[in-house]
Structure formats: C-alpha cells, structure tokens
Amino acid sequence: MKVTYKLEVFEGPLDLLLHLIDKNELDIYNIPIKEITDQYLGYVQAMHELELDITSEFLVMAATLLSIKSKMLLPKPPVIEFDEYFDDMDDSLDPRAELVAKLIEYRKYKSIADMLRDKEVERSLVYTREPEDLTSYLPDIQENPVEGLDVADLLFAFQRTLRKLANRNVVTRIRRDEISVKERIREVIDLLKFKGGKLLFSKLFDYEMTREEIVVTFLAILELMKMKKVICYQYKLFEDIVIQAKEEVSDIDTQFPTDEINY
C-alpha cells in the first residue's frame, strides 16, 4: 500500500516547531520534548521520502531535539537544599530553556510580520488617482498696478527732479497758463504713443518746467497708474523709473469721465 504525504511548507525549523506546538495545544514553556521530537522527525522523514530538499537548518534542529531529549532522559541529581539563589540556578539548567527562548522570540517576530502583511494587503486595495490641475478653482486676484514699485521710489525720483531744477540758473521766467491733470494725462499718453508705449520718468521733465508743472506731471502719472493705463518699474535699484503702457498705445482712450479725475 502506497502512502501519500501532504506536507505544509514551513519557513524554517522554528516555524515547524511552532506549528506542532499550536496544533497539539501545548504549553510553550513546558514542551513535552519526546512528543515534539517524534513529530518533528516524522516530518523530516516524510520530506526525505518525498525527495524534497532538506536544508541543513532542519537537520541541525533535529540533532538539537535529540540532544535535549537525551538530556531529559538522564536521571536528575539528588536534591540538595540551598538558598533561593541556587534554586534559580537549578531552574536555568533546564535543557529546553534555550529552545523555548528562541521559539518565543520567533513567535513575536512572526506575529509582527503577519501584521505587516495584513497591512500590505489592506493598502493594496486602496487606489489613488493622479493629482489634477486645480488652478482654475483659485480665486481671481486683481493685478496690482504698482507691484514691485514702492511709493518711496516715486518720491525719490520726484526729489531728484526738484534738486536738479533747484540748481538751474533762471534768467527770466515767463508764466504760462496753468495746465490741468487731465491735459497732462493726455500729453503723457501722446508721448507714450510717440515713444512706442515706453518712456523714462526723467524724460517727462525739462529745465524750463515750473514747480507746478512738475507736480501736475507727477499726479498725472499716479492717475494713469490708478486707472491701470500704465505700469511703472525699475530694472535695478535707484535707476530711472520706466513708464510703460499696459495696452497697445493706439488703443489708449484719452477721453475720461469728468468725475473720474478730481483735479
């Protein structure tokens, strides 16, 4: 009669021993070494009969179990009463102690490995999607017409212009008609159109301009920035300020509502 064995695959001899202990519901701290050894050797013999590869670890464990079994069969020395210290030493002489410690440690790491494997399986069931472009949902932020330009920059440019005009030699003064901010805005726009939509702040002034004309020009630039007709910026710190039209200079409307500019 041919006998067929169906063997489970174990990761090592400790894994096989834990399986035998759990299967027989044995106390790991008080292993019946004879029973476990017989079952273990039966498993190794079955592997040999099925011509399975038997690793050296299984053979080493078999030799260890036989060694423990032989030590357990030896008669115990007579009991001699000593203090508690020697009693503890006698307990540590159990030939199964080292094997039990290895089994406990192996069971702990195997439990952790099983938990991590369950986590891996659980995480593999979660599917993620690629990140989407959500910029279209961002709130519209109004463009700052003077972004990158501080009020102090315009003030410094205004002060430099006043210092230049203060050092000029005035031979005579011919007072001209006062110019309004609206008129000066139209003149600046015309100058922008002539210059291709970009000009330097210093080019708006000349040595013949009066203080009132300088102030009106300065206010005209501020009004154009407020109405988002032009932007002002500097290429480097303390350089001349560049005035640039925000749209095609030919499309700039020079007509403004009467209540838009209160100068």
C-alpha atoms as a PDB file:
ATOM      1  CA  MET A   1       0.000   0.000   0.000  1.00  0.00           C
ATOM      2  CA  LYS A   2       1.452   3.333  -1.056  1.00  0.00           C
ATOM      3  CA  VAL A   3       1.223   6.134   1.495  1.00  0.00           C
ATOM      4  CA  THR A   4       0.970   9.729   0.261  1.00  0.00           C
ATOM      5  CA  TYR A   5       2.094  12.566   2.491  1.00  0.00           C
ATOM      6  CA  LYS A   6       0.706  16.093   2.197  1.00  0.00           C
ATOM      7  CA  LEU A   7       3.192  18.445   3.848  1.00  0.00           C
ATOM      8  CA  GLU A   8       2.858  22.142   4.562  1.00  0.00           C
ATOM      9  CA  VAL A   9       5.665  24.458   3.591  1.00  0.00           C
ATOM     10  CA  PHE A  10       7.471  25.999   6.541  1.00  0.00           C
ATOM     11  CA  GLU A  11       9.948  28.840   6.518  1.00  0.00           C
ATOM     12  CA  GLY A  12      12.338  27.055   8.868  1.00  0.00           C
ATOM     13  CA  PRO A  13      12.660  24.601  11.762  1.00  0.00           C
ATOM     14  CA  LEU A  14      11.343  27.115  14.319  1.00  0.00           C
ATOM     15  CA  ASP A  15       8.281  27.683  12.159  1.00  0.00           C
ATOM     16  CA  LEU A  16       7.677  23.917  12.067  1.00  0.00           C
ATOM     17  CA  LEU A  17       8.087  23.597  15.858  1.00  0.00           C
ATOM     18  CA  LEU A  18       5.603  26.430  16.481  1.00  0.00           C
ATOM     19  CA  HIS A  19       3.151  24.708  14.141  1.00  0.00           C
ATOM     20  CA  LEU A  20       3.472  21.436  16.082  1.00  0.00           C
ATOM     21  CA  ILE A  21       3.074  23.218  19.438  1.00  0.00           C
ATOM     22  CA  ASP A  22      -0.047  25.112  18.294  1.00  0.00           C
ATOM     23  CA  LYS A  23      -1.504  22.045  16.596  1.00  0.00           C
ATOM     24  CA  ASN A  24      -1.177  19.926  19.764  1.00  0.00           C
ATOM     25  CA  GLU A  25      -2.179  22.882  22.018  1.00  0.00           C
ATOM     26  CA  LEU A  26       0.972  22.525  24.103  1.00  0.00           C
ATOM     27  CA  ASP A  27       2.401  24.922  26.661  1.00  0.00           C
ATOM     28  CA  ILE A  28       5.430  26.561  25.054  1.00  0.00           C
ATOM     29  CA  TYR A  29       7.057  26.974  28.489  1.00  0.00           C
ATOM     30  CA  ASN A  30       6.690  23.237  29.262  1.00  0.00           C
ATOM     31  CA  ILE A  31       7.215  21.413  25.974  1.00  0.00           C
ATOM     32  CA  PRO A  32       6.902  17.603  26.066  1.00  0.00           C
ATOM     33  CA  ILE A  33      10.160  17.132  24.253  1.00  0.00           C
ATOM     34  CA  LYS A  34       9.626  13.448  23.430  1.00  0.00           C
ATOM     35  CA  GLU A  35       6.319  14.043  21.646  1.00  0.00           C
ATOM     36  CA  ILE A  36       7.581  17.085  19.751  1.00  0.00           C
ATOM     37  CA  THR A  37      10.791  15.335  18.752  1.00  0.00           C
ATOM     38  CA  ASP A  38       8.951  12.325  17.374  1.00  0.00           C
ATOM     39  CA  GLN A  39       6.598  14.510  15.327  1.00  0.00           C
ATOM     40  CA  TYR A  40       9.472  16.647  14.075  1.00  0.00           C
ATOM     41  CA  LEU A  41      11.498  13.621  12.992  1.00  0.00           C
ATOM     42  CA  GLY A  42       8.410  12.238  11.278  1.00  0.00           C
ATOM     43  CA  TYR A  43       8.143  15.403   9.233  1.00  0.00           C
ATOM     44  CA  VAL A  44      11.823  15.292   8.260  1.00  0.00           C
ATOM     45  CA  GLN A  45      11.479  11.598   7.314  1.00  0.00           C
ATOM     46  CA  ALA A  46       8.482  12.440   5.133  1.00  0.00           C
ATOM     47  CA  MET A  47      10.492  15.141   3.366  1.00  0.00           C
ATOM     48  CA  HIS A  48      13.238  12.598   2.731  1.00  0.00           C
ATOM     49  CA  GLU A  49      10.801  10.021   1.320  1.00  0.00           C
ATOM     50  CA  LEU A  50       9.267  12.606  -0.994  1.00  0.00           C
ATOM     51  CA  GLU A  51      12.779  13.524  -2.137  1.00  0.00           C
ATOM     52  CA  LEU A  52      12.305  17.129  -1.068  1.00  0.00           C
ATOM     53  CA  ASP A  53      15.291  19.328  -0.414  1.00  0.00           C
ATOM     54  CA  ILE A  54      16.056  19.263   3.285  1.00  0.00           C
ATOM     55  CA  THR A  55      18.051  22.275   4.368  1.00  0.00           C
ATOM     56  CA  SER A  56      20.779  21.990   6.961  1.00  0.00           C
ATOM     57  CA  GLU A  57      18.700  24.041   9.402  1.00  0.00           C
ATOM     58  CA  PHE A  58      16.112  21.259   9.723  1.00  0.00           C
ATOM     59  CA  LEU A  59      18.841  18.670  10.323  1.00  0.00           C
ATOM     60  CA  VAL A  60      20.546  20.858  12.935  1.00  0.00           C
ATOM     61  CA  MET A  61      17.239  21.298  14.762  1.00  0.00           C
ATOM     62  CA  ALA A  62      16.639  17.538  14.640  1.00  0.00           C
ATOM     63  CA  ALA A  63      20.035  16.965  16.269  1.00  0.00           C
ATOM     64  CA  THR A  64      19.234  19.625  18.879  1.00  0.00           C
ATOM     65  CA  LEU A  65      15.908  17.999  19.753  1.00  0.00           C
ATOM     66  CA  LEU A  66      17.567  14.604  20.101  1.00  0.00           C
ATOM     67  CA  SER A  67      20.205  16.138  22.341  1.00  0.00           C
ATOM     68  CA  ILE A  68      17.562  17.764  24.548  1.00  0.00           C
ATOM     69  CA  LYS A  69      15.583  14.518  24.613  1.00  0.00           C
ATOM     70  CA  SER A  70      18.641  12.549  25.759  1.00  0.00           C
ATOM     71  CA  LYS A  71      19.372  15.099  28.493  1.00  0.00           C
ATOM     72  CA  MET A  72      15.776  14.899  29.673  1.00  0.00           C
ATOM     73  CA  LEU A  73      16.098  11.100  29.984  1.00  0.00           C
ATOM     74  CA  LEU A  74      19.142  11.313  32.217  1.00  0.00           C
ATOM     75  CA  PRO A  75      18.416  10.869  35.908  1.00  0.00           C
ATOM     76  CA  LYS A  76      18.374  14.084  37.871  1.00  0.00           C
ATOM     77  CA  PRO A  77      20.964  14.561  40.622  1.00  0.00           C
ATOM     78  CA  PRO A  78      19.754  14.324  44.215  1.00  0.00           C
ATOM     79  CA  VAL A  79      18.022  17.422  45.523  1.00  0.00           C
ATOM     80  CA  ILE A  80      20.187  19.464  47.866  1.00  0.00           C
ATOM     81  CA  GLU A  81      18.602  22.287  49.752  1.00  0.00           C
ATOM     82  CA  PHE A  82      20.333  25.612  49.111  1.00  0.00           C
ATOM     83  CA  ASP A  83      19.230  29.152  49.307  1.00  0.00           C
ATOM     84  CA  GLU A  84      16.996  30.828  46.735  1.00  0.00           C
ATOM     85  CA  TYR A  85      19.958  31.898  44.593  1.00  0.00           C
ATOM     86  CA  PHE A  86      20.921  28.301  43.880  1.00  0.00           C
ATOM     87  CA  ASP A  87      17.272  27.388  43.309  1.00  0.00           C
ATOM     88  CA  ASP A  88      17.171  29.922  40.472  1.00  0.00           C
ATOM     89  CA  MET A  89      20.340  28.441  39.009  1.00  0.00           C
ATOM     90  CA  ASP A  90      18.777  24.972  39.095  1.00  0.00           C
ATOM     91  CA  ASP A  91      15.762  26.203  37.134  1.00  0.00           C
ATOM     92  CA  SER A  92      18.032  27.668  34.446  1.00  0.00           C
ATOM     93  CA  LEU A  93      19.625  24.235  33.924  1.00  0.00           C
ATOM     94  CA  ASP A  94      16.516  23.040  32.035  1.00  0.00           C
ATOM     95  CA  PRO A  95      17.880  21.836  28.637  1.00  0.00           C
ATOM     96  CA  ARG A  96      14.731  23.185  26.959  1.00  0.00           C
ATOM     97  CA  ALA A  97      15.271  26.762  28.171  1.00  0.00           C
ATOM     98  CA  GLU A  98      17.358  27.944  25.220  1.00  0.00           C
ATOM     99  CA  LEU A  99      14.966  26.414  22.682  1.00  0.00           C
ATOM    100  CA  VAL A 100      11.947  27.952  24.447  1.00  0.00           C
ATOM    101  CA  ALA A 101      13.569  31.401  24.373  1.00  0.00           C
ATOM    102  CA  LYS A 102      14.198  31.089  20.623  1.00  0.00           C
ATOM    103  CA  LEU A 103      10.622  29.950  19.995  1.00  0.00           C
ATOM    104  CA  ILE A 104       9.171  32.874  21.980  1.00  0.00           C
ATOM    105  CA  GLU A 105      11.307  35.392  20.118  1.00  0.00           C
ATOM    106  CA  TYR A 106      10.473  33.791  16.758  1.00  0.00           C
ATOM    107  CA  ARG A 107       6.748  33.866  17.553  1.00  0.00           C
ATOM    108  CA  LYS A 108       6.988  37.579  18.374  1.00  0.00           C
ATOM    109  CA  TYR A 109       8.642  38.477  15.081  1.00  0.00           C
ATOM    110  CA  LYS A 110       6.330  36.194  13.128  1.00  0.00           C
ATOM    111  CA  SER A 111       3.322  37.933  14.665  1.00  0.00           C
ATOM    112  CA  ILE A 112       4.742  41.311  13.643  1.00  0.00           C
ATOM    113  CA  ALA A 113       5.414  40.015  10.113  1.00  0.00           C
ATOM    114  CA  ASP A 114       1.824  38.749   9.834  1.00  0.00           C
ATOM    115  CA  MET A 115       0.504  42.121  10.964  1.00  0.00           C
ATOM    116  CA  LEU A 116       2.647  43.952   8.381  1.00  0.00           C
ATOM    117  CA  ARG A 117       1.494  41.515   5.685  1.00  0.00           C
ATOM    118  CA  ASP A 118      -2.129  42.270   6.550  1.00  0.00           C
ATOM    119  CA  LYS A 119      -1.357  45.988   6.345  1.00  0.00           C
ATOM    120  CA  GLU A 120       0.205  45.456   2.911  1.00  0.00           C
ATOM    121  CA  VAL A 121      -2.860  43.597   1.673  1.00  0.00           C
ATOM    122  CA  GLU A 122      -5.162  46.265   3.094  1.00  0.00           C
ATOM    123  CA  ARG A 123      -3.136  49.045   1.478  1.00  0.00           C
ATOM    124  CA  SER A 124      -3.068  47.219  -1.873  1.00  0.00           C
ATOM    125  CA  LEU A 125      -6.867  47.515  -2.005  1.00  0.00           C
ATOM    126  CA  VAL A 126      -6.666  51.319  -1.921  1.00  0.00           C
ATOM    127  CA  TYR A 127      -6.368  53.010  -5.294  1.00  0.00           C
ATOM    128  CA  THR A 128      -5.277  56.601  -5.753  1.00  0.00           C
ATOM    129  CA  ARG A 129      -5.705  58.914  -8.693  1.00  0.00           C
ATOM    130  CA  GLU A 130      -3.193  61.247 -10.258  1.00  0.00           C
ATOM    131  CA  PRO A 131      -3.242  64.855  -8.972  1.00  0.00           C
ATOM    132  CA  GLU A 132      -5.287  67.241 -11.090  1.00  0.00           C
ATOM    133  CA  ASP A 133      -4.660  70.835 -12.037  1.00  0.00           C
ATOM    134  CA  LEU A 134      -6.871  72.880  -9.730  1.00  0.00           C
ATOM    135  CA  THR A 135      -5.632  76.325 -10.748  1.00  0.00           C
ATOM    136  CA  SER A 136      -8.965  77.046 -12.435  1.00  0.00           C
ATOM    137  CA  TYR A 137     -10.615  76.940  -8.995  1.00  0.00           C
ATOM    138  CA  LEU A 138      -8.290  79.522  -7.487  1.00  0.00           C
ATOM    139  CA  PRO A 139      -9.898  82.884  -6.735  1.00  0.00           C
ATOM    140  CA  ASP A 140      -9.197  85.695  -9.183  1.00  0.00           C
ATOM    141  CA  ILE A 141      -6.740  88.142  -7.690  1.00  0.00           C
ATOM    142  CA  GLN A 142      -6.769  91.644  -9.122  1.00  0.00           C
ATOM    143  CA  GLU A 143      -3.438  92.725 -10.509  1.00  0.00           C
ATOM    144  CA  ASN A 144      -1.632  95.345  -8.503  1.00  0.00           C
ATOM    145  CA  PRO A 145      -0.765  98.197 -10.914  1.00  0.00           C
ATOM    146  CA  VAL A 146       2.217  99.273  -8.777  1.00  0.00           C
ATOM    147  CA  GLU A 147       3.500  95.809  -7.896  1.00  0.00           C
ATOM    148  CA  GLY A 148       7.264  95.885  -7.471  1.00  0.00           C
ATOM    149  CA  LEU A 149       7.312  99.668  -7.132  1.00  0.00           C
ATOM    150  CA  ASP A 150       7.312 101.339  -3.748  1.00  0.00           C
ATOM    151  CA  VAL A 151       5.878 104.788  -3.074  1.00  0.00           C
ATOM    152  CA  ALA A 152       9.315 105.762  -1.816  1.00  0.00           C
ATOM    153  CA  ASP A 153      10.742 105.096  -5.310  1.00  0.00           C
ATOM    154  CA  LEU A 154       8.432 107.690  -6.873  1.00  0.00           C
ATOM    155  CA  LEU A 155       9.160 110.075  -4.019  1.00  0.00           C
ATOM    156  CA  PHE A 156      12.934 109.725  -4.501  1.00  0.00           C
ATOM    157  CA  ALA A 157      12.551 110.323  -8.243  1.00  0.00           C
ATOM    158  CA  PHE A 158      10.444 113.393  -7.510  1.00  0.00           C
ATOM    159  CA  GLN A 159      13.028 114.717  -5.056  1.00  0.00           C
ATOM    160  CA  ARG A 160      15.891 114.160  -7.518  1.00  0.00           C
ATOM    161  CA  THR A 161      13.991 116.118 -10.123  1.00  0.00           C
ATOM    162  CA  LEU A 162      13.406 119.000  -7.696  1.00  0.00           C
ATOM    163  CA  ARG A 163      17.117 119.068  -6.785  1.00  0.00           C
ATOM    164  CA  LYS A 164      18.100 119.245 -10.436  1.00  0.00           C
ATOM    165  CA  LEU A 165      15.692 122.093 -11.044  1.00  0.00           C
ATOM    166  CA  ALA A 166      16.861 123.934  -7.944  1.00  0.00           C
ATOM    167  CA  ASN A 167      20.428 124.166  -9.302  1.00  0.00           C
ATOM    168  CA  ARG A 168      19.491 125.710 -12.635  1.00  0.00           C
ATOM    169  CA  ASN A 169      20.160 129.339 -13.434  1.00  0.00           C
ATOM    170  CA  VAL A 170      16.922 131.155 -14.196  1.00  0.00           C
ATOM    171  CA  VAL A 171      17.460 134.254 -16.221  1.00  0.00           C
ATOM    172  CA  THR A 172      13.842 135.119 -16.698  1.00  0.00           C
ATOM    173  CA  ARG A 173      10.535 133.488 -16.034  1.00  0.00           C
ATOM    174  CA  ILE A 174       7.610 133.561 -18.366  1.00  0.00           C
ATOM    175  CA  ARG A 175       4.490 132.352 -16.660  1.00  0.00           C
ATOM    176  CA  ARG A 176       2.372 130.164 -18.841  1.00  0.00           C
ATOM    177  CA  ASP A 177      -1.227 129.163 -18.412  1.00  0.00           C
ATOM    178  CA  GLU A 178      -1.842 126.525 -15.758  1.00  0.00           C
ATOM    179  CA  ILE A 179      -2.203 123.001 -17.060  1.00  0.00           C
ATOM    180  CA  SER A 180      -4.725 120.605 -15.541  1.00  0.00           C
ATOM    181  CA  VAL A 181      -4.068 116.984 -14.622  1.00  0.00           C
ATOM    182  CA  LYS A 182      -6.434 115.848 -17.414  1.00  0.00           C
ATOM    183  CA  GLU A 183      -4.477 117.776 -20.013  1.00  0.00           C
ATOM    184  CA  ARG A 184      -1.160 116.480 -18.688  1.00  0.00           C
ATOM    185  CA  ILE A 185      -2.512 112.909 -18.821  1.00  0.00           C
ATOM    186  CA  ARG A 186      -3.354 113.357 -22.489  1.00  0.00           C
ATOM    187  CA  GLU A 187       0.133 114.773 -23.125  1.00  0.00           C
ATOM    188  CA  VAL A 188       1.748 111.784 -21.394  1.00  0.00           C
ATOM    189  CA  ILE A 189      -0.375 109.363 -23.432  1.00  0.00           C
ATOM    190  CA  ASP A 190       0.559 111.183 -26.645  1.00  0.00           C
ATOM    191  CA  LEU A 191       4.221 110.967 -25.638  1.00  0.00           C
ATOM    192  CA  LEU A 192       3.827 107.240 -24.951  1.00  0.00           C
ATOM    193  CA  LYS A 193       2.303 106.767 -28.396  1.00  0.00           C
ATOM    194  CA  PHE A 194       5.213 108.660 -29.922  1.00  0.00           C
ATOM    195  CA  LYS A 195       7.771 106.602 -27.974  1.00  0.00           C
ATOM    196  CA  GLY A 196       6.187 103.249 -28.808  1.00  0.00           C
ATOM    197  CA  GLY A 197       4.478 102.695 -25.473  1.00  0.00           C
ATOM    198  CA  LYS A 198       7.509 103.071 -23.170  1.00  0.00           C
ATOM    199  CA  LEU A 199       9.480 106.053 -21.838  1.00  0.00           C
ATOM    200  CA  LEU A 200      11.626 107.048 -18.880  1.00  0.00           C
ATOM    201  CA  PHE A 201      10.234 109.032 -15.971  1.00  0.00           C
ATOM    202  CA  SER A 202      13.009 111.623 -16.260  1.00  0.00           C
ATOM    203  CA  LYS A 203      12.078 112.348 -19.893  1.00  0.00           C
ATOM    204  CA  LEU A 204       8.808 113.921 -18.755  1.00  0.00           C
ATOM    205  CA  PHE A 205      10.685 116.888 -17.293  1.00  0.00           C
ATOM    206  CA  ASP A 206      12.946 119.586 -18.640  1.00  0.00           C
ATOM    207  CA  TYR A 207      14.766 122.530 -17.125  1.00  0.00           C
ATOM    208  CA  GLU A 208      12.121 125.027 -18.240  1.00  0.00           C
ATOM    209  CA  MET A 209       9.282 123.400 -16.305  1.00  0.00           C
ATOM    210  CA  THR A 210       7.896 125.150 -13.258  1.00  0.00           C
ATOM    211  CA  ARG A 211       7.275 123.517  -9.892  1.00  0.00           C
ATOM    212  CA  GLU A 212       3.539 123.468 -10.624  1.00  0.00           C
ATOM    213  CA  GLU A 213       4.098 121.645 -13.918  1.00  0.00           C
ATOM    214  CA  ILE A 214       6.309 119.058 -12.177  1.00  0.00           C
ATOM    215  CA  VAL A 215       3.633 118.403  -9.544  1.00  0.00           C
ATOM    216  CA  VAL A 216       0.897 118.088 -12.191  1.00  0.00           C
ATOM    217  CA  THR A 217       3.055 115.648 -14.175  1.00  0.00           C
ATOM    218  CA  PHE A 218       3.638 113.587 -11.045  1.00  0.00           C
ATOM    219  CA  LEU A 219      -0.128 113.490 -10.329  1.00  0.00           C
ATOM    220  CA  ALA A 220      -0.848 112.550 -13.950  1.00  0.00           C
ATOM    221  CA  ILE A 221       1.436 109.515 -13.663  1.00  0.00           C
ATOM    222  CA  LEU A 222      -0.301 108.451 -10.448  1.00  0.00           C
ATOM    223  CA  GLU A 223      -3.730 108.801 -12.084  1.00  0.00           C
ATOM    224  CA  LEU A 224      -2.645 106.720 -15.084  1.00  0.00           C
ATOM    225  CA  MET A 225      -1.415 104.006 -12.721  1.00  0.00           C
ATOM    226  CA  LYS A 226      -4.659 104.181 -10.757  1.00  0.00           C
ATOM    227  CA  MET A 227      -6.684 103.758 -13.967  1.00  0.00           C
ATOM    228  CA  LYS A 228      -4.420 100.823 -14.964  1.00  0.00           C
ATOM    229  CA  LYS A 229      -3.343 102.547 -18.141  1.00  0.00           C
ATOM    230  CA  VAL A 230       0.380 102.315 -17.399  1.00  0.00           C
ATOM    231  CA  ILE A 231       2.762 100.423 -15.131  1.00  0.00           C
ATOM    232  CA  CYS A 232       5.991 101.708 -13.594  1.00  0.00           C
ATOM    233  CA  TYR A 233       9.051  99.638 -12.739  1.00  0.00           C
ATOM    234  CA  GLN A 234      12.837  99.762 -12.367  1.00  0.00           C
ATOM    235  CA  TYR A 235      15.425  97.455 -13.866  1.00  0.00           C
ATOM    236  CA  LYS A 236      17.765  97.995 -10.915  1.00  0.00           C
ATOM    237  CA  LEU A 237      17.622  99.761  -7.564  1.00  0.00           C
ATOM    238  CA  PHE A 238      17.846 103.580  -7.791  1.00  0.00           C
ATOM    239  CA  GLU A 239      17.745 103.514 -11.614  1.00  0.00           C
ATOM    240  CA  ASP A 240      15.398 105.663 -13.638  1.00  0.00           C
ATOM    241  CA  ILE A 241      11.727 104.571 -13.490  1.00  0.00           C
ATOM    242  CA  VAL A 242      10.272 103.128 -16.688  1.00  0.00           C
ATOM    243  CA  ILE A 243       6.699 104.057 -17.618  1.00  0.00           C
ATOM    244  CA  GLN A 244       5.051 101.511 -19.919  1.00  0.00           C
ATOM    245  CA  ALA A 245       1.562 101.342 -21.385  1.00  0.00           C
ATOM    246  CA  LYS A 246      -0.433  98.263 -20.330  1.00  0.00           C
ATOM    247  CA  GLU A 247      -2.149  98.003 -23.735  1.00  0.00           C
ATOM    248  CA  GLU A 248      -1.473  98.948 -27.290  1.00  0.00           C
ATOM    249  CA  VAL A 249      -0.757 102.654 -27.260  1.00  0.00           C
ATOM    250  CA  SER A 250      -3.032 103.133 -30.253  1.00  0.00           C
ATOM    251  CA  ASP A 251      -5.943 101.728 -28.219  1.00  0.00           C
ATOM    252  CA  ILE A 252      -5.475 104.006 -25.191  1.00  0.00           C
ATOM    253  CA  ASP A 253      -8.559 106.135 -24.734  1.00  0.00           C
ATOM    254  CA  THR A 254      -7.745 109.758 -23.942  1.00  0.00           C
ATOM    255  CA  GLN A 255     -11.349 110.569 -23.103  1.00  0.00           C
ATOM    256  CA  PHE A 256     -12.104 110.332 -19.375  1.00  0.00           C
ATOM    257  CA  PRO A 257     -15.361 110.913 -17.492  1.00  0.00           C
ATOM    258  CA  THR A 258     -15.492 114.329 -15.909  1.00  0.00           C
ATOM    259  CA  ASP A 259     -15.963 112.839 -12.455  1.00  0.00           C
ATOM    260  CA  GLU A 260     -13.028 110.374 -12.804  1.00  0.00           C
ATOM    261  CA  ILE A 261     -10.292 112.931 -12.107  1.00  0.00           C
ATOM    262  CA  ASN A 262     -10.915 115.481  -9.402  1.00  0.00           C
ATOM    263  CA  TYR A 263      -8.120 117.966 -10.088  1.00  0.00           C
END
